[in-house]
Amino acid sequence: MVTTIQVKETTKQMLDNLKIKVKGSSYDQIIQSLLSNGVQVKDMFGSTKKRPLKFSKRDELNFNKL
């Protein structure tokens, strides 16, 4: 499955530069490489497959106490 994500122009330029530097074949390959080398998503609170849920900071704090 292919999806589209929005990134800032500067982020795209950084990915382009990294893609050239490591001779990557795709943005997906570059992103997977970054993630496997220690860059981790710390918090996916409220995320779902279709769209993020709307929670306030208070909701998140209450959830984390459980």
PDB file of N, CA and C in Angstrom:
ATOM      1  N   MET A   1       0.838  -1.165   0.000  1.00  0.00           N
ATOM      2  CA  MET A   1       0.000   0.000   0.000  1.00  0.00           C
ATOM      3  C   MET A   1       0.894   1.244   0.000  1.00  0.00           C
ATOM      4  N   VAL A   2       0.592   2.188  -0.840  1.00  0.00           N
ATOM      5  CA  VAL A   2       1.339   3.428  -0.943  1.00  0.00           C
ATOM      6  C   VAL A   2       0.511   4.536  -0.320  1.00  0.00           C
ATOM      7  N   THR A   3       1.182   5.453   0.375  1.00  0.00           N
ATOM      8  CA  THR A   3       0.496   6.569   1.005  1.00  0.00           C
ATOM      9  C   THR A   3       1.295   7.842   0.776  1.00  0.00           C
ATOM     10  N   THR A   4       0.664   8.960   0.965  1.00  0.00           N
ATOM     11  CA  THR A   4       1.309  10.259   0.822  1.00  0.00           C
ATOM     12  C   THR A   4       1.402  10.909   2.197  1.00  0.00           C
ATOM     13  N   ILE A   5       2.551  11.485   2.492  1.00  0.00           N
ATOM     14  CA  ILE A   5       2.711  12.220   3.745  1.00  0.00           C
ATOM     15  C   ILE A   5       3.194  13.630   3.420  1.00  0.00           C
ATOM     16  N   GLN A   6       2.850  14.564   4.274  1.00  0.00           N
ATOM     17  CA  GLN A   6       3.287  15.936   4.083  1.00  0.00           C
ATOM     18  C   GLN A   6       4.484  16.219   4.974  1.00  0.00           C
ATOM     19  N   VAL A   7       5.505  16.796   4.374  1.00  0.00           N
ATOM     20  CA  VAL A   7       6.680  17.229   5.118  1.00  0.00           C
ATOM     21  C   VAL A   7       7.051  18.628   4.652  1.00  0.00           C
ATOM     22  N   LYS A   8       7.764  19.344   5.487  1.00  0.00           N
ATOM     23  CA  LYS A   8       8.235  20.674   5.108  1.00  0.00           C
ATOM     24  C   LYS A   8       9.257  20.539   3.981  1.00  0.00           C
ATOM     25  N   GLU A   9       9.402  21.605   3.224  1.00  0.00           N
ATOM     26  CA  GLU A   9      10.351  21.602   2.107  1.00  0.00           C
ATOM     27  C   GLU A   9      11.769  21.324   2.600  1.00  0.00           C
ATOM     28  N   THR A  10      12.135  21.875   3.749  1.00  0.00           N
ATOM     29  CA  THR A  10      13.474  21.632   4.288  1.00  0.00           C
ATOM     30  C   THR A  10      13.677  20.159   4.644  1.00  0.00           C
ATOM     31  N   THR A  11      12.627  19.512   5.134  1.00  0.00           N
ATOM     32  CA  THR A  11      12.712  18.084   5.457  1.00  0.00           C
ATOM     33  C   THR A  11      12.911  17.274   4.182  1.00  0.00           C
ATOM     34  N   LYS A  12      12.190  17.627   3.136  1.00  0.00           N
ATOM     35  CA  LYS A  12      12.337  16.930   1.853  1.00  0.00           C
ATOM     36  C   LYS A  12      13.759  17.107   1.316  1.00  0.00           C
ATOM     37  N   GLN A  13      14.311  18.311   1.449  1.00  0.00           N
ATOM     38  CA  GLN A  13      15.674  18.556   0.987  1.00  0.00           C
ATOM     39  C   GLN A  13      16.670  17.710   1.771  1.00  0.00           C
ATOM     40  N   MET A  14      16.436  17.580   3.073  1.00  0.00           N
ATOM     41  CA  MET A  14      17.311  16.746   3.893  1.00  0.00           C
ATOM     42  C   MET A  14      17.230  15.287   3.460  1.00  0.00           C
ATOM     43  N   LEU A  15      16.018  14.823   3.176  1.00  0.00           N
ATOM     44  CA  LEU A  15      15.856  13.446   2.691  1.00  0.00           C
ATOM     45  C   LEU A  15      16.519  13.263   1.330  1.00  0.00           C
ATOM     46  N   ASP A  16      16.376  14.264   0.449  1.00  0.00           N
ATOM     47  CA  ASP A  16      17.031  14.206  -0.867  1.00  0.00           C
ATOM     48  C   ASP A  16      18.542  14.091  -0.714  1.00  0.00           C
ATOM     49  N   ASN A  17      19.109  14.931   0.159  1.00  0.00           N
ATOM     50  CA  ASN A  17      20.559  14.902   0.377  1.00  0.00           C
ATOM     51  C   ASN A  17      21.012  13.560   0.937  1.00  0.00           C
ATOM     52  N   LEU A  18      20.269  13.035   1.885  1.00  0.00           N
ATOM     53  CA  LEU A  18      20.616  11.745   2.479  1.00  0.00           C
ATOM     54  C   LEU A  18      20.479  10.621   1.455  1.00  0.00           C
ATOM     55  N   LYS A  19      19.451  10.716   0.632  1.00  0.00           N
ATOM     56  CA  LYS A  19      19.226   9.713  -0.410  1.00  0.00           C
ATOM     57  C   LYS A  19      20.413   9.655  -1.382  1.00  0.00           C
ATOM     58  N   ILE A  20      20.943  10.823  -1.738  1.00  0.00           N
ATOM     59  CA  ILE A  20      22.105  10.885  -2.622  1.00  0.00           C
ATOM     60  C   ILE A  20      23.343  10.360  -1.898  1.00  0.00           C
ATOM     61  N   LYS A  21      23.520  10.787  -0.657  1.00  0.00           N
ATOM     62  CA  LYS A  21      24.716  10.420   0.118  1.00  0.00           C
ATOM     63  C   LYS A  21      24.842   8.914   0.314  1.00  0.00           C
ATOM     64  N   VAL A  22      23.718   8.262   0.648  1.00  0.00           N
ATOM     65  CA  VAL A  22      23.774   6.814   0.915  1.00  0.00           C
ATOM     66  C   VAL A  22      23.350   5.982  -0.288  1.00  0.00           C
ATOM     67  N   LYS A  23      23.140   6.669  -1.420  1.00  0.00           N
ATOM     68  CA  LYS A  23      22.728   5.998  -2.656  1.00  0.00           C
ATOM     69  C   LYS A  23      21.464   5.170  -2.457  1.00  0.00           C
ATOM     70  N   GLY A  24      20.505   5.764  -1.759  1.00  0.00           N
ATOM     71  CA  GLY A  24      19.226   5.101  -1.520  1.00  0.00           C
ATOM     72  C   GLY A  24      18.362   5.115  -2.768  1.00  0.00           C
ATOM     73  N   SER A  25      17.483   4.144  -2.868  1.00  0.00           N
ATOM     74  CA  SER A  25      16.637   4.050  -4.058  1.00  0.00           C
ATOM     75  C   SER A  25      15.274   4.698  -3.861  1.00  0.00           C
ATOM     76  N   SER A  26      14.892   4.946  -2.603  1.00  0.00           N
ATOM     77  CA  SER A  26      13.575   5.535  -2.369  1.00  0.00           C
ATOM     78  C   SER A  26      13.560   6.251  -1.019  1.00  0.00           C
ATOM     79  N   TYR A  27      12.574   7.122  -0.870  1.00  0.00           N
ATOM     80  CA  TYR A  27      12.400   7.784   0.422  1.00  0.00           C
ATOM     81  C   TYR A  27      12.042   6.754   1.485  1.00  0.00           C
ATOM     82  N   ASP A  28      11.254   5.773   1.113  1.00  0.00           N
ATOM     83  CA  ASP A  28      10.866   4.729   2.057  1.00  0.00           C
ATOM     84  C   ASP A  28      12.100   4.023   2.621  1.00  0.00           C
ATOM     85  N   GLN A  29      13.041   3.716   1.752  1.00  0.00           N
ATOM     86  CA  GLN A  29      14.268   3.048   2.188  1.00  0.00           C
ATOM     87  C   GLN A  29      15.044   3.939   3.157  1.00  0.00           C
ATOM     88  N   ILE A  30      15.116   5.228   2.878  1.00  0.00           N
ATOM     89  CA  ILE A  30      15.844   6.160   3.734  1.00  0.00           C
ATOM     90  C   ILE A  30      15.160   6.269   5.102  1.00  0.00           C
ATOM     91  N   ILE A  31      13.852   6.419   5.099  1.00  0.00           N
ATOM     92  CA  ILE A  31      13.109   6.547   6.358  1.00  0.00           C
ATOM     93  C   ILE A  31      13.223   5.277   7.188  1.00  0.00           C
ATOM     94  N   GLN A  32      13.101   4.107   6.542  1.00  0.00           N
ATOM     95  CA  GLN A  32      13.236   2.843   7.276  1.00  0.00           C
ATOM     96  C   GLN A  32      14.628   2.708   7.868  1.00  0.00           C
ATOM     97  N   SER A  33      15.634   3.142   7.124  1.00  0.00           N
ATOM     98  CA  SER A  33      17.005   3.085   7.619  1.00  0.00           C
ATOM     99  C   SER A  33      17.168   3.976   8.853  1.00  0.00           C
ATOM    100  N   LEU A  34      16.606   5.181   8.796  1.00  0.00           N
ATOM    101  CA  LEU A  34      16.677   6.082   9.948  1.00  0.00           C
ATOM    102  C   LEU A  34      15.985   5.482  11.156  1.00  0.00           C
ATOM    103  N   LEU A  35      14.817   4.898  10.942  1.00  0.00           N
ATOM    104  CA  LEU A  35      14.065   4.311  12.047  1.00  0.00           C
ATOM    105  C   LEU A  35      14.778   3.103  12.641  1.00  0.00           C
ATOM    106  N   SER A  36      15.395   2.295  11.818  1.00  0.00           N
ATOM    107  CA  SER A  36      16.062   1.101  12.328  1.00  0.00           C
ATOM    108  C   SER A  36      17.385   1.433  13.014  1.00  0.00           C
ATOM    109  N   ASN A  37      17.906   2.643  12.780  1.00  0.00           N
ATOM    110  CA  ASN A  37      19.169   3.050  13.399  1.00  0.00           C
ATOM    111  C   ASN A  37      18.974   3.853  14.672  1.00  0.00           C
ATOM    112  N   GLY A  38      17.843   3.670  15.327  1.00  0.00           N
ATOM    113  CA  GLY A  38      17.672   4.274  16.632  1.00  0.00           C
ATOM    114  C   GLY A  38      16.697   5.424  16.718  1.00  0.00           C
ATOM    115  N   VAL A  39      16.223   5.938  15.602  1.00  0.00           N
ATOM    116  CA  VAL A  39      15.222   6.993  15.653  1.00  0.00           C
ATOM    117  C   VAL A  39      13.895   6.307  15.908  1.00  0.00           C
ATOM    118  N   GLN A  40      13.285   6.592  17.056  1.00  0.00           N
ATOM    119  CA  GLN A  40      12.070   5.894  17.431  1.00  0.00           C
ATOM    120  C   GLN A  40      10.946   6.866  17.710  1.00  0.00           C
ATOM    121  N   VAL A  41       9.747   6.431  17.384  1.00  0.00           N
ATOM    122  CA  VAL A  41       8.559   7.193  17.739  1.00  0.00           C
ATOM    123  C   VAL A  41       8.305   6.925  19.207  1.00  0.00           C
ATOM    124  N   LYS A  42       8.306   7.975  20.030  1.00  0.00           N
ATOM    125  CA  LYS A  42       8.180   7.806  21.467  1.00  0.00           C
ATOM    126  C   LYS A  42       6.736   7.681  21.919  1.00  0.00           C
ATOM    127  N   ASP A  43       5.845   8.370  21.244  1.00  0.00           N
ATOM    128  CA  ASP A  43       4.481   8.397  21.732  1.00  0.00           C
ATOM    129  C   ASP A  43       3.503   8.401  20.573  1.00  0.00           C
ATOM    130  N   MET A  44       2.666   7.393  20.513  1.00  0.00           N
ATOM    131  CA  MET A  44       1.642   7.337  19.477  1.00  0.00           C
ATOM    132  C   MET A  44       0.264   7.405  20.123  1.00  0.00           C
ATOM    133  N   PHE A  45       0.177   8.072  21.274  1.00  0.00           N
ATOM    134  CA  PHE A  45      -1.082   8.197  21.973  1.00  0.00           C
ATOM    135  C   PHE A  45      -2.123   8.824  21.065  1.00  0.00           C
ATOM    136  N   GLY A  46      -3.276   8.179  20.950  1.00  0.00           N
ATOM    137  CA  GLY A  46      -4.379   8.719  20.161  1.00  0.00           C
ATOM    138  C   GLY A  46      -4.309   8.394  18.687  1.00  0.00           C
ATOM    139  N   SER A  47      -3.314   7.627  18.261  1.00  0.00           N
ATOM    140  CA  SER A  47      -3.202   7.299  16.851  1.00  0.00           C
ATOM    141  C   SER A  47      -4.071   6.109  16.504  1.00  0.00           C
ATOM    142  N   THR A  48      -4.638   6.166  15.343  1.00  0.00           N
ATOM    143  CA  THR A  48      -5.378   5.037  14.798  1.00  0.00           C
ATOM    144  C   THR A  48      -4.944   4.854  13.357  1.00  0.00           C
ATOM    145  N   LYS A  49      -5.368   3.774  12.739  1.00  0.00           N
ATOM    146  CA  LYS A  49      -4.980   3.505  11.371  1.00  0.00           C
ATOM    147  C   LYS A  49      -5.531   4.559  10.409  1.00  0.00           C
ATOM    148  N   LYS A  50      -6.759   5.006  10.654  1.00  0.00           N
ATOM    149  CA  LYS A  50      -7.388   5.924   9.714  1.00  0.00           C
ATOM    150  C   LYS A  50      -7.073   7.385   9.982  1.00  0.00           C
ATOM    151  N   ARG A  51      -7.080   7.808  11.224  1.00  0.00           N
ATOM    152  CA  ARG A  51      -6.807   9.208  11.557  1.00  0.00           C
ATOM    153  C   ARG A  51      -6.522   9.328  13.046  1.00  0.00           C
ATOM    154  N   PRO A  52      -5.814  10.377  13.430  1.00  0.00           N
ATOM    155  CA  PRO A  52      -5.548  10.539  14.867  1.00  0.00           C
ATOM    156  C   PRO A  52      -6.819  10.940  15.615  1.00  0.00           C
ATOM    157  N   LEU A  53      -6.949  10.429  16.814  1.00  0.00           N
ATOM    158  CA  LEU A  53      -8.067  10.814  17.662  1.00  0.00           C
ATOM    159  C   LEU A  53      -7.741  12.137  18.330  1.00  0.00           C
ATOM    160  N   LYS A  54      -8.759  12.879  18.684  1.00  0.00           N
ATOM    161  CA  LYS A  54      -8.558  14.172  19.318  1.00  0.00           C
ATOM    162  C   LYS A  54      -8.653  14.020  20.832  1.00  0.00           C
ATOM    163  N   PHE A  55      -7.529  14.196  21.506  1.00  0.00           N
ATOM    164  CA  PHE A  55      -7.474  14.143  22.956  1.00  0.00           C
ATOM    165  C   PHE A  55      -6.810  15.414  23.458  1.00  0.00           C
ATOM    166  N   SER A  56      -7.241  15.876  24.594  1.00  0.00           N
ATOM    167  CA  SER A  56      -6.574  17.018  25.212  1.00  0.00           C
ATOM    168  C   SER A  56      -5.364  16.499  25.987  1.00  0.00           C
ATOM    169  N   LYS A  57      -4.504  17.409  26.373  1.00  0.00           N
ATOM    170  CA  LYS A  57      -3.342  17.030  27.177  1.00  0.00           C
ATOM    171  C   LYS A  57      -3.788  16.406  28.493  1.00  0.00           C
ATOM    172  N   ARG A  58      -4.879  16.910  29.057  1.00  0.00           N
ATOM    173  CA  ARG A  58      -5.430  16.357  30.303  1.00  0.00           C
ATOM    174  C   ARG A  58      -5.853  14.902  30.102  1.00  0.00           C
ATOM    175  N   ASP A  59      -6.511  14.605  28.966  1.00  0.00           N
ATOM    176  CA  ASP A  59      -6.901  13.226  28.660  1.00  0.00           C
ATOM    177  C   ASP A  59      -5.681  12.318  28.605  1.00  0.00           C
ATOM    178  N   GLU A  60      -4.639  12.803  27.941  1.00  0.00           N
ATOM    179  CA  GLU A  60      -3.425  12.004  27.817  1.00  0.00           C
ATOM    180  C   GLU A  60      -2.793  11.742  29.177  1.00  0.00           C
ATOM    181  N   LEU A  61      -2.732  12.775  30.017  1.00  0.00           N
ATOM    182  CA  LEU A  61      -2.157  12.606  31.355  1.00  0.00           C
ATOM    183  C   LEU A  61      -2.972  11.622  32.192  1.00  0.00           C
ATOM    184  N   ASN A  62      -4.309  11.719  32.119  1.00  0.00           N
ATOM    185  CA  ASN A  62      -5.168  10.782  32.849  1.00  0.00           C
ATOM    186  C   ASN A  62      -4.997   9.371  32.350  1.00  0.00           C
ATOM    187  N   PHE A  63      -4.850   9.197  31.037  1.00  0.00           N
ATOM    188  CA  PHE A  63      -4.659   7.871  30.463  1.00  0.00           C
ATOM    189  C   PHE A  63      -3.346   7.257  30.938  1.00  0.00           C
ATOM    190  N   ASN A  64      -2.301   8.085  30.989  1.00  0.00           N
ATOM    191  CA  ASN A  64      -0.986   7.585  31.392  1.00  0.00           C
ATOM    192  C   ASN A  64      -0.941   7.165  32.853  1.00  0.00           C
ATOM    193  N   LYS A  65      -1.880   7.630  33.685  1.00  0.00           N
ATOM    194  CA  LYS A  65      -1.923   7.243  35.093  1.00  0.00           C
ATOM    195  C   LYS A  65      -2.476   5.833  35.269  1.00  0.00           C
ATOM    196  N   LEU A  66      -3.202   5.331  34.261  1.00  0.00           N
ATOM    197  CA  LEU A  66      -3.830   4.000  34.390  1.00  0.00           C
ATOM    198  C   LEU A  66      -2.826   2.892  34.494  1.00  0.00           C
TER     199      LEU A  66
END
